[in-house]
N, C-alpha and C. Protein backbone atom coordinates (compact mmCIF):
# COMPACT_ATOMS: atom_id res chain seq x y z
N MET A 1 -58.18 -22.43 -42.24
CA MET A 1 -57.25 -22.90 -41.21
C MET A 1 -55.84 -22.96 -41.79
N ARG A 2 -55.69 -23.42 -43.04
CA ARG A 2 -54.35 -23.50 -43.62
C ARG A 2 -53.83 -22.17 -43.79
N THR A 3 -54.57 -21.15 -44.16
CA THR A 3 -54.04 -19.80 -44.29
C THR A 3 -53.56 -19.24 -42.94
N VAL A 4 -54.27 -19.55 -41.87
CA VAL A 4 -53.84 -19.08 -40.51
C VAL A 4 -52.49 -19.71 -40.17
N ARG A 5 -52.38 -21.14 -40.45
CA ARG A 5 -51.12 -21.84 -40.16
C ARG A 5 -49.97 -21.17 -41.04
N CYS A 6 -50.25 -20.90 -42.25
CA CYS A 6 -49.17 -20.27 -43.12
C CYS A 6 -48.78 -18.91 -42.58
N LEU A 7 -49.74 -18.14 -42.23
CA LEU A 7 -49.44 -16.82 -41.68
C LEU A 7 -48.62 -16.90 -40.36
N ILE A 8 -49.00 -17.82 -39.52
CA ILE A 8 -48.25 -18.00 -38.20
C ILE A 8 -46.80 -18.42 -38.51
N THR A 9 -46.70 -19.36 -39.44
CA THR A 9 -45.36 -19.88 -39.84
C THR A 9 -44.57 -18.74 -40.45
N ALA A 10 -45.10 -17.94 -41.24
CA ALA A 10 -44.37 -16.77 -41.79
C ALA A 10 -43.89 -15.80 -40.78
N ILE A 11 -44.74 -15.58 -39.80
CA ILE A 11 -44.46 -14.62 -38.78
C ILE A 11 -43.28 -15.18 -37.90
N VAL A 12 -43.42 -16.46 -37.48
CA VAL A 12 -42.43 -17.06 -36.70
C VAL A 12 -41.09 -17.13 -37.32
N LEU A 13 -41.05 -17.44 -38.64
CA LEU A 13 -39.82 -17.53 -39.39
C LEU A 13 -39.24 -16.13 -39.58
N SER A 14 -39.99 -15.07 -39.51
CA SER A 14 -39.40 -13.77 -39.80
C SER A 14 -38.92 -13.15 -38.44
N ILE A 15 -39.26 -13.60 -37.30
CA ILE A 15 -38.88 -12.97 -36.07
C ILE A 15 -37.37 -12.92 -35.85
N PRO A 16 -36.61 -14.09 -36.06
CA PRO A 16 -35.21 -13.95 -35.94
C PRO A 16 -34.53 -12.91 -36.74
N SER A 17 -34.95 -12.70 -37.98
CA SER A 17 -34.35 -11.61 -38.79
C SER A 17 -34.72 -10.23 -38.31
N LEU A 18 -35.96 -10.06 -37.73
CA LEU A 18 -36.33 -8.84 -37.18
C LEU A 18 -35.62 -8.46 -35.92
N ALA A 19 -35.24 -9.47 -35.09
CA ALA A 19 -34.56 -9.26 -33.81
C ALA A 19 -33.08 -9.02 -33.99
N GLN A 20 -32.52 -9.32 -35.18
CA GLN A 20 -31.06 -9.15 -35.40
C GLN A 20 -30.73 -7.65 -35.52
N ASP A 21 -29.67 -7.24 -34.79
CA ASP A 21 -29.20 -5.90 -34.92
C ASP A 21 -27.67 -6.00 -35.07
N VAL A 22 -27.21 -6.16 -36.28
CA VAL A 22 -25.83 -6.45 -36.58
C VAL A 22 -24.97 -5.27 -36.12
N ALA A 23 -25.50 -4.06 -36.18
CA ALA A 23 -24.77 -2.85 -35.81
C ALA A 23 -24.36 -2.85 -34.36
N LYS A 24 -24.96 -3.72 -33.46
CA LYS A 24 -24.60 -3.76 -32.07
C LYS A 24 -23.65 -4.83 -31.78
N VAL A 25 -23.22 -5.62 -32.78
CA VAL A 25 -22.23 -6.60 -32.48
C VAL A 25 -20.88 -5.89 -32.13
N VAL A 26 -20.22 -6.29 -31.14
CA VAL A 26 -18.93 -5.72 -30.64
C VAL A 26 -17.84 -6.78 -30.78
N TYR A 27 -16.82 -6.43 -31.58
CA TYR A 27 -15.65 -7.40 -31.72
C TYR A 27 -14.35 -6.55 -31.51
N VAL A 28 -13.55 -6.98 -30.68
CA VAL A 28 -12.21 -6.34 -30.58
C VAL A 28 -11.26 -7.55 -30.38
N SER A 29 -10.26 -7.61 -31.23
CA SER A 29 -9.29 -8.73 -31.19
C SER A 29 -8.45 -8.56 -29.89
N ALA A 30 -7.90 -9.67 -29.44
CA ALA A 30 -7.00 -9.77 -28.23
C ALA A 30 -5.82 -8.81 -28.50
N LYS A 31 -5.30 -8.90 -29.67
CA LYS A 31 -4.09 -8.06 -30.06
C LYS A 31 -4.42 -6.59 -29.90
N GLN A 32 -5.55 -6.20 -30.39
CA GLN A 32 -5.97 -4.73 -30.38
C GLN A 32 -6.19 -4.34 -28.93
N MET A 33 -6.94 -5.17 -28.17
CA MET A 33 -7.10 -4.83 -26.74
C MET A 33 -5.81 -4.59 -25.96
N ASP A 34 -4.84 -5.55 -26.14
CA ASP A 34 -3.53 -5.35 -25.52
C ASP A 34 -2.77 -4.05 -25.97
N ILE A 35 -2.88 -3.76 -27.23
CA ILE A 35 -2.18 -2.55 -27.68
C ILE A 35 -2.89 -1.28 -27.09
N ASP A 36 -4.19 -1.27 -27.16
CA ASP A 36 -4.95 -0.11 -26.64
C ASP A 36 -4.74 0.10 -25.17
N LEU A 37 -4.79 -1.04 -24.50
CA LEU A 37 -4.77 -0.99 -23.01
C LEU A 37 -3.43 -0.47 -22.53
N HIS A 38 -2.37 -0.92 -23.23
CA HIS A 38 -1.04 -0.55 -22.81
C HIS A 38 -0.56 0.85 -23.30
N LYS A 39 -1.39 1.46 -24.20
CA LYS A 39 -1.13 2.82 -24.70
C LYS A 39 -1.63 3.77 -23.76
N LEU A 40 -2.66 3.41 -22.88
CA LEU A 40 -3.24 4.33 -21.96
C LEU A 40 -2.40 4.59 -20.79
N ALA A 41 -2.40 5.80 -20.32
CA ALA A 41 -1.64 6.18 -19.03
C ALA A 41 -2.47 5.54 -17.86
N LEU A 42 -1.71 5.19 -16.85
CA LEU A 42 -2.38 4.75 -15.62
C LEU A 42 -2.87 5.89 -14.81
N ASN A 43 -4.00 5.75 -14.17
CA ASN A 43 -4.56 6.88 -13.42
C ASN A 43 -3.78 6.88 -12.06
N ASN A 44 -4.29 7.75 -11.12
CA ASN A 44 -3.71 7.95 -9.83
C ASN A 44 -3.81 6.65 -8.94
N ILE A 45 -4.63 5.76 -9.28
CA ILE A 45 -4.68 4.53 -8.48
C ILE A 45 -4.10 3.27 -9.24
N GLY A 46 -3.27 3.57 -10.22
CA GLY A 46 -2.52 2.52 -10.98
C GLY A 46 -3.42 1.70 -11.87
N GLU A 47 -4.40 2.31 -12.54
CA GLU A 47 -5.40 1.59 -13.31
C GLU A 47 -5.56 2.27 -14.74
N SER A 48 -5.76 1.47 -15.74
CA SER A 48 -6.09 1.96 -17.04
C SER A 48 -7.33 1.05 -17.43
N GLU A 49 -8.26 1.53 -18.16
CA GLU A 49 -9.45 0.79 -18.52
C GLU A 49 -10.03 1.15 -19.92
N ILE A 50 -10.64 0.22 -20.50
CA ILE A 50 -11.33 0.47 -21.78
C ILE A 50 -12.72 -0.11 -21.62
N ASN A 51 -13.71 0.64 -21.90
CA ASN A 51 -15.07 0.20 -21.95
C ASN A 51 -15.31 -0.56 -23.24
N LEU A 52 -15.59 -1.85 -23.00
CA LEU A 52 -15.80 -2.76 -24.20
C LEU A 52 -17.27 -2.54 -24.76
N ILE A 53 -18.20 -2.22 -23.88
CA ILE A 53 -19.58 -1.92 -24.29
C ILE A 53 -20.01 -0.67 -23.46
N GLU A 54 -20.94 -0.04 -23.94
CA GLU A 54 -21.42 1.21 -23.21
C GLU A 54 -21.90 0.85 -21.80
N ARG A 55 -21.45 1.62 -20.86
CA ARG A 55 -21.85 1.44 -19.44
C ARG A 55 -23.27 2.00 -19.27
N THR A 56 -24.01 1.13 -18.53
CA THR A 56 -25.38 1.58 -18.17
C THR A 56 -25.64 1.12 -16.68
N PRO A 57 -26.66 1.57 -16.10
CA PRO A 57 -26.96 1.08 -14.74
C PRO A 57 -27.23 -0.45 -14.74
N GLU A 58 -27.61 -0.98 -15.87
CA GLU A 58 -27.89 -2.41 -15.94
C GLU A 58 -26.68 -3.25 -16.26
N HIS A 59 -25.71 -2.72 -16.91
CA HIS A 59 -24.57 -3.57 -17.37
C HIS A 59 -23.35 -2.71 -17.81
N ALA A 60 -22.19 -3.42 -17.87
CA ALA A 60 -20.99 -2.82 -18.38
C ALA A 60 -20.03 -4.06 -18.65
N ALA A 61 -19.04 -3.80 -19.59
CA ALA A 61 -17.97 -4.74 -19.83
C ALA A 61 -16.75 -3.87 -19.93
N ILE A 62 -15.80 -4.11 -19.05
CA ILE A 62 -14.58 -3.31 -19.00
C ILE A 62 -13.34 -4.11 -18.96
N LEU A 63 -12.41 -3.76 -19.80
CA LEU A 63 -11.04 -4.35 -19.83
C LEU A 63 -10.17 -3.46 -18.92
N LEU A 64 -9.50 -4.05 -17.92
CA LEU A 64 -8.68 -3.25 -17.00
C LEU A 64 -7.32 -3.80 -16.88
N ARG A 65 -6.36 -2.86 -16.67
CA ARG A 65 -5.03 -3.16 -16.26
C ARG A 65 -4.72 -2.44 -15.02
N ARG A 66 -4.27 -3.21 -14.03
CA ARG A 66 -4.09 -2.59 -12.69
C ARG A 66 -2.66 -2.92 -12.20
N THR A 67 -2.00 -1.97 -11.74
CA THR A 67 -0.63 -2.07 -11.17
C THR A 67 -0.53 -1.90 -9.67
N LEU A 68 -1.61 -1.38 -9.08
CA LEU A 68 -1.63 -1.15 -7.70
C LEU A 68 -2.94 -1.72 -7.03
N PRO A 69 -2.88 -2.08 -5.80
CA PRO A 69 -4.11 -2.46 -5.17
C PRO A 69 -5.15 -1.33 -5.16
N GLY A 70 -6.37 -1.64 -5.14
CA GLY A 70 -7.36 -0.53 -5.20
C GLY A 70 -8.04 -0.33 -3.83
N LYS A 71 -9.05 0.34 -3.86
CA LYS A 71 -9.94 0.52 -2.62
C LYS A 71 -10.88 -0.63 -2.63
N ALA A 72 -11.30 -0.89 -1.39
CA ALA A 72 -12.43 -1.92 -1.18
C ALA A 72 -13.60 -1.30 -1.75
N GLU A 73 -14.54 -2.11 -2.20
CA GLU A 73 -15.78 -1.53 -2.87
C GLU A 73 -16.93 -2.51 -2.69
N VAL A 74 -18.17 -1.85 -2.67
CA VAL A 74 -19.34 -2.59 -2.76
C VAL A 74 -20.23 -1.98 -3.75
N HIS A 75 -20.78 -2.79 -4.63
CA HIS A 75 -21.78 -2.38 -5.63
C HIS A 75 -23.09 -2.88 -5.17
N GLU A 76 -23.98 -1.93 -4.76
CA GLU A 76 -25.28 -2.34 -4.05
C GLU A 76 -26.22 -3.05 -5.02
N HIS A 77 -26.07 -2.73 -6.36
CA HIS A 77 -27.12 -3.26 -7.27
C HIS A 77 -26.50 -4.04 -8.42
N GLN A 78 -25.15 -4.07 -8.47
CA GLN A 78 -24.45 -4.79 -9.63
C GLN A 78 -23.58 -5.84 -9.14
N ALA A 79 -23.63 -7.06 -9.80
CA ALA A 79 -22.71 -8.10 -9.59
C ALA A 79 -21.48 -7.83 -10.54
N ASP A 80 -20.34 -8.37 -10.04
CA ASP A 80 -19.17 -8.32 -10.90
C ASP A 80 -18.71 -9.74 -11.29
N VAL A 81 -18.45 -9.92 -12.52
CA VAL A 81 -17.88 -11.19 -13.05
C VAL A 81 -16.50 -10.84 -13.59
N TRP A 82 -15.45 -11.51 -13.02
CA TRP A 82 -14.06 -11.22 -13.49
C TRP A 82 -13.54 -12.43 -14.14
N TYR A 83 -12.83 -12.14 -15.31
CA TYR A 83 -11.99 -13.16 -15.99
C TYR A 83 -10.56 -12.62 -16.16
N VAL A 84 -9.59 -13.34 -15.55
CA VAL A 84 -8.22 -12.79 -15.57
C VAL A 84 -7.50 -13.23 -16.84
N ILE A 85 -6.96 -12.27 -17.57
CA ILE A 85 -6.30 -12.48 -18.81
C ILE A 85 -4.80 -12.69 -18.63
N ASP A 86 -4.27 -11.95 -17.69
CA ASP A 86 -2.83 -12.00 -17.38
C ASP A 86 -2.48 -11.54 -16.02
N GLY A 87 -1.44 -12.00 -15.42
CA GLY A 87 -1.07 -11.59 -14.06
C GLY A 87 -1.92 -12.20 -12.95
N GLY A 88 -1.90 -11.60 -11.77
CA GLY A 88 -2.71 -12.12 -10.73
C GLY A 88 -2.71 -11.17 -9.57
N CYS A 89 -3.50 -11.55 -8.53
CA CYS A 89 -3.64 -10.73 -7.35
C CYS A 89 -4.21 -11.52 -6.19
N ASP A 90 -4.11 -11.00 -4.97
CA ASP A 90 -4.79 -11.46 -3.80
C ASP A 90 -6.04 -10.64 -3.81
N PHE A 91 -7.19 -11.27 -3.84
CA PHE A 91 -8.47 -10.71 -3.95
C PHE A 91 -9.34 -11.09 -2.76
N VAL A 92 -9.91 -10.13 -2.03
CA VAL A 92 -10.69 -10.44 -0.79
C VAL A 92 -12.14 -10.24 -1.11
N THR A 93 -12.98 -11.11 -0.63
CA THR A 93 -14.48 -10.94 -0.76
C THR A 93 -15.16 -11.16 0.58
N GLY A 94 -16.23 -10.45 0.73
CA GLY A 94 -16.97 -10.55 2.02
C GLY A 94 -16.35 -9.66 2.97
N GLY A 95 -16.71 -9.87 4.34
CA GLY A 95 -16.18 -9.08 5.39
C GLY A 95 -16.83 -7.77 5.45
N SER A 96 -16.14 -6.73 6.04
CA SER A 96 -16.59 -5.36 6.28
C SER A 96 -15.66 -4.42 5.71
N VAL A 97 -16.17 -3.40 4.96
CA VAL A 97 -15.38 -2.37 4.43
C VAL A 97 -14.87 -1.37 5.60
N ILE A 98 -13.58 -1.12 5.61
CA ILE A 98 -13.08 -0.24 6.62
C ILE A 98 -13.11 1.18 6.04
N HIS A 99 -13.65 2.15 6.82
CA HIS A 99 -13.80 3.51 6.44
C HIS A 99 -14.58 3.71 5.16
N GLY A 100 -15.61 2.91 5.02
CA GLY A 100 -16.43 2.99 3.76
C GLY A 100 -17.30 4.21 3.78
N ALA A 101 -17.40 4.77 2.57
CA ALA A 101 -18.32 5.93 2.31
C ALA A 101 -18.87 5.84 0.93
N PRO A 102 -20.03 6.45 0.74
CA PRO A 102 -20.62 6.41 -0.64
C PRO A 102 -19.69 7.13 -1.57
N SER A 103 -19.49 6.55 -2.78
CA SER A 103 -18.67 7.14 -3.87
C SER A 103 -19.40 7.47 -5.09
N GLY A 104 -20.70 7.17 -5.09
CA GLY A 104 -21.62 7.41 -6.15
C GLY A 104 -22.91 6.60 -5.81
N PRO A 105 -23.88 6.72 -6.78
CA PRO A 105 -25.17 6.02 -6.47
C PRO A 105 -24.96 4.51 -6.42
N GLY A 106 -25.32 3.92 -5.25
CA GLY A 106 -25.17 2.52 -5.15
C GLY A 106 -23.77 1.97 -4.91
N GLU A 107 -22.81 2.92 -4.70
CA GLU A 107 -21.40 2.48 -4.63
C GLU A 107 -20.81 2.95 -3.30
N ILE A 108 -20.06 2.04 -2.66
CA ILE A 108 -19.31 2.37 -1.45
C ILE A 108 -17.84 2.02 -1.67
N ARG A 109 -16.94 2.88 -1.23
CA ARG A 109 -15.50 2.59 -1.37
C ARG A 109 -14.95 2.81 0.04
N GLY A 110 -13.92 2.10 0.31
CA GLY A 110 -13.21 2.19 1.64
C GLY A 110 -11.73 1.79 1.46
N ALA A 111 -11.01 1.93 2.57
CA ALA A 111 -9.54 1.74 2.59
C ALA A 111 -9.20 0.26 2.42
N SER A 112 -9.98 -0.66 3.03
CA SER A 112 -9.64 -2.04 2.95
C SER A 112 -10.85 -2.94 3.44
N ILE A 113 -10.60 -4.23 3.69
CA ILE A 113 -11.69 -5.07 4.20
C ILE A 113 -11.19 -5.81 5.47
N ALA A 114 -12.02 -5.82 6.51
CA ALA A 114 -11.73 -6.61 7.66
C ALA A 114 -12.48 -7.94 7.55
N GLY A 115 -11.81 -8.99 7.78
CA GLY A 115 -12.38 -10.26 7.64
C GLY A 115 -12.50 -10.67 6.16
N GLY A 116 -13.46 -11.39 5.77
CA GLY A 116 -13.63 -11.81 4.32
C GLY A 116 -12.73 -13.04 4.04
N ASP A 117 -12.96 -13.48 2.83
CA ASP A 117 -12.18 -14.64 2.29
C ASP A 117 -11.16 -14.14 1.27
N GLU A 118 -9.96 -14.55 1.36
CA GLU A 118 -8.92 -14.20 0.51
C GLU A 118 -8.76 -15.34 -0.59
N HIS A 119 -8.73 -14.84 -1.80
CA HIS A 119 -8.52 -15.69 -2.92
C HIS A 119 -7.29 -15.28 -3.75
N HIS A 120 -6.45 -16.15 -4.18
CA HIS A 120 -5.45 -15.87 -5.08
C HIS A 120 -6.02 -16.11 -6.52
N ILE A 121 -6.11 -15.07 -7.30
CA ILE A 121 -6.64 -15.27 -8.67
C ILE A 121 -5.51 -14.88 -9.62
N ALA A 122 -5.49 -15.67 -10.77
CA ALA A 122 -4.46 -15.60 -11.71
C ALA A 122 -4.97 -15.87 -13.14
N LYS A 123 -4.09 -15.75 -14.10
CA LYS A 123 -4.50 -15.98 -15.47
C LYS A 123 -5.40 -17.17 -15.72
N GLY A 124 -6.57 -16.96 -16.36
CA GLY A 124 -7.48 -17.96 -16.68
C GLY A 124 -8.51 -18.15 -15.61
N ASP A 125 -8.38 -17.51 -14.43
CA ASP A 125 -9.35 -17.72 -13.34
C ASP A 125 -10.58 -16.80 -13.60
N PHE A 126 -11.65 -17.23 -13.00
CA PHE A 126 -13.01 -16.60 -13.09
C PHE A 126 -13.42 -16.41 -11.63
N ILE A 127 -14.09 -15.22 -11.39
CA ILE A 127 -14.72 -15.12 -10.07
C ILE A 127 -15.95 -14.24 -10.27
N ARG A 128 -16.99 -14.56 -9.54
CA ARG A 128 -18.25 -13.75 -9.61
C ARG A 128 -18.51 -13.25 -8.10
N VAL A 129 -18.76 -11.91 -8.07
CA VAL A 129 -19.06 -11.32 -6.74
C VAL A 129 -20.49 -10.74 -6.84
N PRO A 130 -21.42 -11.36 -6.11
CA PRO A 130 -22.76 -10.89 -6.14
C PRO A 130 -22.92 -9.46 -5.64
N ALA A 131 -23.95 -8.76 -6.14
CA ALA A 131 -24.31 -7.41 -5.68
C ALA A 131 -24.26 -7.40 -4.13
N GLY A 132 -23.79 -6.28 -3.51
CA GLY A 132 -23.82 -6.17 -2.04
C GLY A 132 -22.72 -6.84 -1.29
N VAL A 133 -21.80 -7.59 -2.04
CA VAL A 133 -20.68 -8.23 -1.37
C VAL A 133 -19.43 -7.39 -1.51
N PRO A 134 -18.76 -7.01 -0.32
CA PRO A 134 -17.56 -6.22 -0.46
C PRO A 134 -16.43 -7.02 -1.20
N HIS A 135 -15.51 -6.25 -1.96
CA HIS A 135 -14.45 -6.94 -2.61
C HIS A 135 -13.31 -5.99 -2.77
N TRP A 136 -12.10 -6.53 -2.89
CA TRP A 136 -10.93 -5.70 -2.81
C TRP A 136 -9.68 -6.38 -3.35
N VAL A 137 -9.02 -5.69 -4.24
CA VAL A 137 -7.73 -6.20 -4.67
C VAL A 137 -6.71 -5.72 -3.69
N LYS A 138 -6.24 -6.74 -2.89
CA LYS A 138 -5.37 -6.42 -1.68
C LYS A 138 -3.92 -6.26 -2.11
N LYS A 139 -3.46 -7.15 -3.05
CA LYS A 139 -2.06 -7.07 -3.48
C LYS A 139 -1.97 -7.60 -4.94
N ILE A 140 -1.20 -6.82 -5.66
CA ILE A 140 -0.92 -7.28 -7.09
C ILE A 140 0.28 -8.28 -7.08
N GLU A 141 0.09 -9.34 -7.86
CA GLU A 141 1.22 -10.25 -8.00
C GLU A 141 2.05 -9.83 -9.26
N GLY A 142 3.33 -9.68 -8.99
CA GLY A 142 4.17 -9.22 -10.20
C GLY A 142 3.92 -7.77 -10.44
N LYS A 143 3.93 -7.41 -11.68
CA LYS A 143 3.83 -6.03 -12.02
C LYS A 143 2.41 -5.51 -12.33
N GLU A 144 1.47 -6.47 -12.67
CA GLU A 144 0.18 -6.02 -13.13
C GLU A 144 -0.84 -7.22 -13.06
N ILE A 145 -2.11 -6.94 -13.13
CA ILE A 145 -3.17 -7.88 -13.44
C ILE A 145 -4.03 -7.23 -14.57
N VAL A 146 -4.30 -8.08 -15.52
CA VAL A 146 -5.19 -7.66 -16.67
C VAL A 146 -6.39 -8.53 -16.63
N TYR A 147 -7.61 -7.89 -16.60
CA TYR A 147 -8.76 -8.67 -16.53
C TYR A 147 -9.99 -8.01 -17.24
N ILE A 148 -10.97 -8.75 -17.51
CA ILE A 148 -12.21 -8.23 -18.00
C ILE A 148 -13.23 -8.41 -16.86
N VAL A 149 -13.95 -7.33 -16.58
CA VAL A 149 -15.06 -7.37 -15.59
C VAL A 149 -16.34 -7.04 -16.27
N VAL A 150 -17.32 -7.90 -16.13
CA VAL A 150 -18.68 -7.69 -16.65
C VAL A 150 -19.55 -7.39 -15.43
N LYS A 151 -20.27 -6.31 -15.46
CA LYS A 151 -21.12 -5.90 -14.39
C LYS A 151 -22.63 -6.03 -14.94
N TYR A 152 -23.45 -6.46 -14.03
CA TYR A 152 -24.83 -6.54 -14.37
C TYR A 152 -25.71 -6.34 -13.18
N ALA A 153 -26.89 -5.72 -13.42
CA ALA A 153 -27.87 -5.41 -12.40
C ALA A 153 -28.33 -6.72 -11.81
N GLU A 154 -28.29 -6.80 -10.45
CA GLU A 154 -28.75 -8.06 -9.77
C GLU A 154 -29.81 -7.81 -8.74
N LYS A 155 -29.93 -6.67 -8.15
CA LYS A 155 -30.90 -6.41 -7.07
C LYS A 155 -31.70 -5.27 -7.41
């Protein structure tokens, strides 16, 4: 019995070291993120982005800088969690996407949103948009908004 307990104890104590994968730790300093993000050219919708972790259908973490309002969007299977680093915007959630059309698997994009709730989000704010809920950056406050969005499979 003592041998069995010792064996179980040894196995349990070794599990944390077996589960560690130090190579998958991601660290990027705030200074480096700011430098890298502002080096990138803005695309045709006034956005530059850096993937902080590899995108998969189950998750993503993206650092974004946006200077123009975007299209309304719905992610059918992914929730969005935003944390605003700098700047601000008027952000609409809910309602109905106007002129919505599929833009990829599980993704709908459109011109704007009718109805919905308008939020003013700014530096330090956090917002979570569940999968299936339309959302839209309606208006940028000042020159830009910089934020991190984490996406994860929800439905």
